[in-house]
């Protein structure tokens, strides 16, 4: 990733980093839920809703950046 120009759109890059952290944080709850832990399922679904919102923000940010060019 060293050849990517992050300075051209730091907002998009920061949202992408946030998205990756969210996905990583949900993984443990998904695994626990698969083993039968119902509370982990609640946390996983809540996290997935947040992932959906963050993904939507990434799309909007990307589209806005493309329109500026």
N, C-alpha and C. Protein backbone atom coordinates (compact mmCIF):
# COMPACT_ATOMS: atom_id res chain seq x y z
N UNK A 1 0.80 -1.19 0.00
CA UNK A 1 0.00 0.00 0.00
C UNK A 1 0.84 1.26 0.00
N UNK A 2 2.11 1.13 -0.09
CA UNK A 2 2.98 2.29 -0.03
C UNK A 2 2.85 3.18 -1.26
N UNK A 3 2.31 2.65 -2.37
CA UNK A 3 2.18 3.45 -3.57
C UNK A 3 0.86 4.20 -3.64
N UNK A 4 0.02 4.09 -2.61
CA UNK A 4 -1.26 4.78 -2.57
C UNK A 4 -1.08 6.17 -2.00
N UNK A 5 -1.68 7.17 -2.67
CA UNK A 5 -1.59 8.55 -2.21
C UNK A 5 -2.72 8.85 -1.23
N UNK A 6 -2.45 8.66 0.05
CA UNK A 6 -3.46 8.84 1.10
C UNK A 6 -3.81 10.31 1.24
N UNK A 7 -2.88 11.20 1.00
CA UNK A 7 -3.13 12.63 1.16
C UNK A 7 -4.19 13.15 0.20
N UNK A 8 -4.45 12.45 -0.90
CA UNK A 8 -5.46 12.94 -1.84
C UNK A 8 -6.86 12.85 -1.27
N UNK A 9 -7.10 11.93 -0.34
CA UNK A 9 -8.41 11.83 0.31
C UNK A 9 -8.25 11.18 1.69
N UNK A 10 -7.78 11.96 2.66
CA UNK A 10 -7.55 11.38 4.00
C UNK A 10 -8.84 10.94 4.69
N UNK A 11 -9.96 11.60 4.39
CA UNK A 11 -11.23 11.22 5.02
C UNK A 11 -11.64 9.82 4.60
N UNK A 12 -11.53 9.54 3.32
CA UNK A 12 -11.88 8.22 2.81
C UNK A 12 -10.98 7.15 3.42
N UNK A 13 -9.70 7.44 3.50
CA UNK A 13 -8.76 6.48 4.06
C UNK A 13 -9.04 6.23 5.54
N UNK A 14 -9.36 7.27 6.30
CA UNK A 14 -9.63 7.09 7.73
C UNK A 14 -10.91 6.29 7.93
N UNK A 15 -11.92 6.52 7.10
CA UNK A 15 -13.15 5.73 7.19
C UNK A 15 -12.88 4.27 6.84
N UNK A 16 -12.01 4.03 5.87
CA UNK A 16 -11.64 2.66 5.50
C UNK A 16 -10.94 1.96 6.66
N UNK A 17 -10.04 2.67 7.32
CA UNK A 17 -9.34 2.10 8.47
C UNK A 17 -10.34 1.78 9.59
N UNK A 18 -11.28 2.67 9.81
CA UNK A 18 -12.32 2.44 10.82
C UNK A 18 -13.13 1.20 10.47
N UNK A 19 -13.45 1.04 9.18
CA UNK A 19 -14.22 -0.11 8.71
C UNK A 19 -13.47 -1.41 8.99
N UNK A 20 -12.18 -1.43 8.70
CA UNK A 20 -11.39 -2.64 8.93
C UNK A 20 -11.34 -3.01 10.41
N UNK A 21 -11.21 -2.01 11.26
CA UNK A 21 -11.18 -2.26 12.72
C UNK A 21 -12.52 -2.82 13.17
N UNK A 22 -13.62 -2.28 12.65
CA UNK A 22 -14.95 -2.78 13.01
C UNK A 22 -15.11 -4.25 12.65
N UNK A 23 -14.71 -4.59 11.44
CA UNK A 23 -14.84 -5.98 10.99
C UNK A 23 -14.01 -6.91 11.87
N UNK A 24 -12.80 -6.50 12.18
CA UNK A 24 -11.95 -7.32 13.04
C UNK A 24 -12.55 -7.48 14.43
N UNK A 25 -13.17 -6.42 14.95
CA UNK A 25 -13.72 -6.48 16.30
C UNK A 25 -14.96 -7.38 16.38
N UNK A 26 -15.67 -7.53 15.30
CA UNK A 26 -16.88 -8.35 15.27
C UNK A 26 -16.54 -9.84 15.18
N UNK A 27 -15.40 -10.16 14.66
CA UNK A 27 -15.04 -11.55 14.40
C UNK A 27 -15.18 -12.45 15.63
N UNK A 28 -14.69 -12.00 16.77
CA UNK A 28 -14.77 -12.83 17.98
C UNK A 28 -16.21 -13.10 18.38
N UNK A 29 -17.07 -12.08 18.27
CA UNK A 29 -18.47 -12.28 18.62
C UNK A 29 -19.16 -13.23 17.65
N UNK A 30 -18.80 -13.17 16.38
CA UNK A 30 -19.37 -14.10 15.39
C UNK A 30 -18.97 -15.54 15.75
N UNK A 31 -17.70 -15.73 16.08
CA UNK A 31 -17.23 -17.07 16.44
C UNK A 31 -17.92 -17.58 17.70
N UNK A 32 -18.08 -16.72 18.70
CA UNK A 32 -18.75 -17.12 19.93
C UNK A 32 -20.21 -17.44 19.67
N UNK A 33 -20.86 -16.65 18.81
CA UNK A 33 -22.26 -16.89 18.48
C UNK A 33 -22.43 -18.20 17.74
N UNK A 34 -21.48 -18.54 16.89
CA UNK A 34 -21.54 -19.80 16.15
C UNK A 34 -21.46 -21.00 17.10
N UNK A 35 -20.85 -20.78 18.26
CA UNK A 35 -20.75 -21.84 19.26
C UNK A 35 -21.93 -21.85 20.21
N UNK A 36 -22.90 -20.92 20.01
CA UNK A 36 -24.10 -20.93 20.81
C UNK A 36 -24.26 -19.80 21.80
N UNK A 37 -23.35 -18.87 21.86
CA UNK A 37 -23.43 -17.76 22.80
C UNK A 37 -24.39 -16.70 22.25
N UNK A 38 -25.57 -16.59 22.86
CA UNK A 38 -26.61 -15.69 22.37
C UNK A 38 -26.24 -14.22 22.57
N UNK A 39 -25.58 -13.90 23.65
CA UNK A 39 -25.17 -12.51 23.89
C UNK A 39 -24.18 -12.03 22.83
N UNK A 40 -23.30 -12.93 22.43
CA UNK A 40 -22.35 -12.59 21.37
C UNK A 40 -23.08 -12.33 20.06
N UNK A 41 -24.18 -13.03 19.84
CA UNK A 41 -24.98 -12.80 18.64
C UNK A 41 -25.59 -11.41 18.63
N UNK A 42 -26.05 -10.96 19.79
CA UNK A 42 -26.60 -9.60 19.89
C UNK A 42 -25.51 -8.57 19.58
N UNK A 43 -24.33 -8.78 20.17
CA UNK A 43 -23.22 -7.85 19.91
C UNK A 43 -22.80 -7.89 18.45
N UNK A 44 -22.78 -9.08 17.86
CA UNK A 44 -22.39 -9.22 16.46
C UNK A 44 -23.38 -8.49 15.55
N UNK A 45 -24.66 -8.66 15.80
CA UNK A 45 -25.66 -7.98 14.96
C UNK A 45 -25.58 -6.47 15.09
N UNK A 46 -25.34 -6.00 16.32
CA UNK A 46 -25.17 -4.56 16.53
C UNK A 46 -23.95 -4.06 15.76
N UNK A 47 -22.87 -4.82 15.84
CA UNK A 47 -21.66 -4.46 15.11
C UNK A 47 -21.86 -4.48 13.60
N UNK A 48 -22.62 -5.45 13.12
CA UNK A 48 -22.88 -5.53 11.69
C UNK A 48 -23.71 -4.34 11.20
N UNK A 49 -24.63 -3.88 12.03
CA UNK A 49 -25.38 -2.66 11.67
C UNK A 49 -24.43 -1.48 11.55
N UNK A 50 -23.47 -1.40 12.46
CA UNK A 50 -22.49 -0.33 12.42
C UNK A 50 -21.60 -0.45 11.19
N UNK A 51 -21.25 -1.68 10.82
CA UNK A 51 -20.46 -1.91 9.60
C UNK A 51 -21.23 -1.41 8.39
N UNK A 52 -22.52 -1.71 8.36
CA UNK A 52 -23.37 -1.28 7.23
C UNK A 52 -23.38 0.24 7.13
N UNK A 53 -23.53 0.91 8.26
CA UNK A 53 -23.55 2.38 8.28
C UNK A 53 -22.21 2.94 7.83
N UNK A 54 -21.14 2.36 8.33
CA UNK A 54 -19.80 2.82 7.95
C UNK A 54 -19.53 2.60 6.47
N UNK A 55 -19.96 1.45 5.94
CA UNK A 55 -19.79 1.18 4.51
C UNK A 55 -20.54 2.22 3.69
N UNK A 56 -21.72 2.58 4.12
CA UNK A 56 -22.50 3.60 3.42
C UNK A 56 -21.78 4.95 3.44
N UNK A 57 -21.18 5.29 4.56
CA UNK A 57 -20.42 6.53 4.67
C UNK A 57 -19.20 6.51 3.74
N UNK A 58 -18.56 5.35 3.61
CA UNK A 58 -17.41 5.22 2.71
C UNK A 58 -17.85 5.46 1.27
N UNK A 59 -18.97 4.89 0.89
CA UNK A 59 -19.49 5.08 -0.47
C UNK A 59 -19.78 6.56 -0.72
N UNK A 60 -20.46 7.20 0.21
CA UNK A 60 -20.79 8.62 0.05
C UNK A 60 -19.53 9.48 -0.05
N UNK A 61 -18.55 9.19 0.79
CA UNK A 61 -17.30 9.94 0.77
C UNK A 61 -16.57 9.75 -0.55
N UNK A 62 -16.56 8.52 -1.03
CA UNK A 62 -15.90 8.22 -2.30
C UNK A 62 -16.59 8.93 -3.46
N UNK A 63 -17.91 8.90 -3.48
CA UNK A 63 -18.65 9.57 -4.54
C UNK A 63 -18.43 11.07 -4.51
N UNK A 64 -18.40 11.65 -3.31
CA UNK A 64 -18.16 13.09 -3.18
C UNK A 64 -16.77 13.44 -3.68
N UNK A 65 -15.81 12.58 -3.35
CA UNK A 65 -14.43 12.82 -3.80
C UNK A 65 -14.33 12.74 -5.32
N UNK A 66 -15.03 11.76 -5.91
CA UNK A 66 -15.00 11.62 -7.37
C UNK A 66 -15.64 12.81 -8.07
N UNK A 67 -16.67 13.38 -7.48
CA UNK A 67 -17.34 14.54 -8.08
C UNK A 67 -16.47 15.78 -8.05
N UNK A 68 -15.57 15.85 -7.04
CA UNK A 68 -14.67 16.99 -6.92
C UNK A 68 -13.62 17.01 -8.02
N UNK A 69 -13.31 15.87 -8.56
CA UNK A 69 -12.23 15.79 -9.56
C UNK A 69 -12.66 16.37 -10.87
